[in-house]
Amino acid sequence: MCRRRSQWNKVMSFSSQSNTAEDDGLEAAVDQAIAACGGDMRSTIRALIVANEYLESEVSELMKAVSHAYTRSRFHTYSG
C-alpha cells in the first residue's frame, strides 16, 4: 500500500510540474470570470452555463450546415 502511494505521489508530482503553466492560465481565466460577475460565484456559474449552452447550439448548427453541404457535394474534404 505504501509503495503504491509513493508511486502515485511521483506521478502526481510530475503531472503537476508539467501542467503549471496551463494551470496558471486557467486560474487567471477563473479569476477573470469571477471578477466579471462581481465576485458572486452563483452568478459566475450561471453565466458559464449560459455561455456553454450557446456554444453547444452554435456547434450543433455548424455541424448541421457542414453535413448538409457535404451531402449536397458543396463541401470538399482535403485529399492531400
Protein backbone atom coordinates (compact mmCIF):
# COMPACT_ATOMS: atom_id res chain seq x y z
CA MET A 1 0.00 0.00 0.00
CA CYS A 2 2.77 2.43 0.92
CA ARG A 3 4.64 1.61 -2.29
CA ARG A 4 1.58 2.40 -4.39
CA ARG A 5 1.14 5.69 -2.60
CA SER A 6 4.79 6.55 -3.26
CA GLN A 7 4.38 5.77 -6.97
CA TRP A 8 1.18 7.79 -7.07
CA ASN A 9 2.91 10.77 -5.45
CA LYS A 10 5.68 10.62 -8.06
CA VAL A 11 3.15 10.58 -10.89
CA MET A 12 1.18 13.44 -9.38
CA SER A 13 4.35 15.45 -8.78
CA PHE A 14 5.44 15.07 -12.43
CA SER A 15 1.93 15.84 -13.64
CA SER A 16 1.66 18.98 -11.55
CA GLN A 17 5.04 20.24 -12.75
CA SER A 18 4.17 19.78 -16.42
CA ASN A 19 0.78 21.49 -16.09
CA THR A 20 1.88 24.51 -14.06
CA ALA A 21 1.77 26.96 -16.99
CA GLU A 22 -1.60 25.62 -18.12
CA ASP A 23 -2.93 25.80 -14.58
CA ASP A 24 -1.76 29.41 -14.23
CA GLY A 25 -3.67 30.37 -17.37
CA LEU A 26 -6.74 28.51 -16.19
CA GLU A 27 -6.58 30.13 -12.76
CA ALA A 28 -6.32 33.56 -14.38
CA ALA A 29 -9.38 32.80 -16.52
CA VAL A 30 -11.30 31.65 -13.44
CA ASP A 31 -10.37 34.84 -11.61
CA GLN A 32 -11.50 36.94 -14.59
CA ALA A 33 -14.85 35.14 -14.79
CA ILE A 34 -15.49 35.64 -11.09
CA ALA A 35 -14.44 39.29 -11.27
CA ALA A 36 -16.75 39.87 -14.26
CA CYS A 37 -19.65 38.67 -12.11
CA GLY A 38 -18.75 40.91 -9.19
CA GLY A 39 -17.31 38.07 -7.11
CA ASP A 40 -20.65 36.22 -6.96
CA MET A 41 -19.91 32.53 -7.51
CA ARG A 42 -23.52 31.64 -8.29
CA SER A 43 -23.71 34.33 -10.98
CA THR A 44 -20.40 33.14 -12.39
CA ILE A 45 -21.63 29.56 -12.68
CA ARG A 46 -24.90 30.72 -14.23
CA ALA A 47 -23.03 32.82 -16.81
CA LEU A 48 -20.73 29.94 -17.69
CA ILE A 49 -23.67 27.56 -18.13
CA VAL A 50 -25.44 30.05 -20.41
CA ALA A 51 -22.25 30.57 -22.42
CA ASN A 52 -21.73 26.81 -22.69
CA GLU A 53 -25.31 26.26 -23.91
CA TYR A 54 -24.85 29.00 -26.51
CA LEU A 55 -21.62 27.45 -27.77
CA GLU A 56 -23.21 23.99 -27.89
CA SER A 57 -26.05 25.33 -30.02
CA GLU A 58 -23.55 27.05 -32.34
CA VAL A 59 -21.59 23.82 -32.76
CA SER A 60 -24.81 21.95 -33.47
CA GLU A 61 -25.83 24.47 -36.15
CA LEU A 62 -22.39 24.35 -37.75
CA MET A 63 -22.43 20.56 -37.78
CA LYS A 64 -25.83 20.61 -39.48
CA ALA A 65 -24.60 23.12 -42.07
CA VAL A 66 -21.47 21.14 -42.84
CA SER A 67 -23.41 17.89 -43.00
CA HIS A 68 -25.97 19.46 -45.36
CA ALA A 69 -23.26 20.93 -47.57
CA TYR A 70 -21.41 17.62 -47.61
CA THR A 71 -24.48 15.69 -48.74
CA ARG A 72 -25.10 18.27 -51.48
CA SER A 73 -21.46 17.95 -52.66
CA ARG A 74 -20.75 21.56 -51.75
CA PHE A 75 -18.20 20.67 -49.14
CA HIS A 76 -15.00 19.08 -50.39
CA THR A 77 -12.73 17.28 -47.99
CA TYR A 78 -8.98 17.74 -48.20
CA SER A 79 -7.50 14.83 -50.12
CA GLY A 80 -3.84 15.59 -49.50
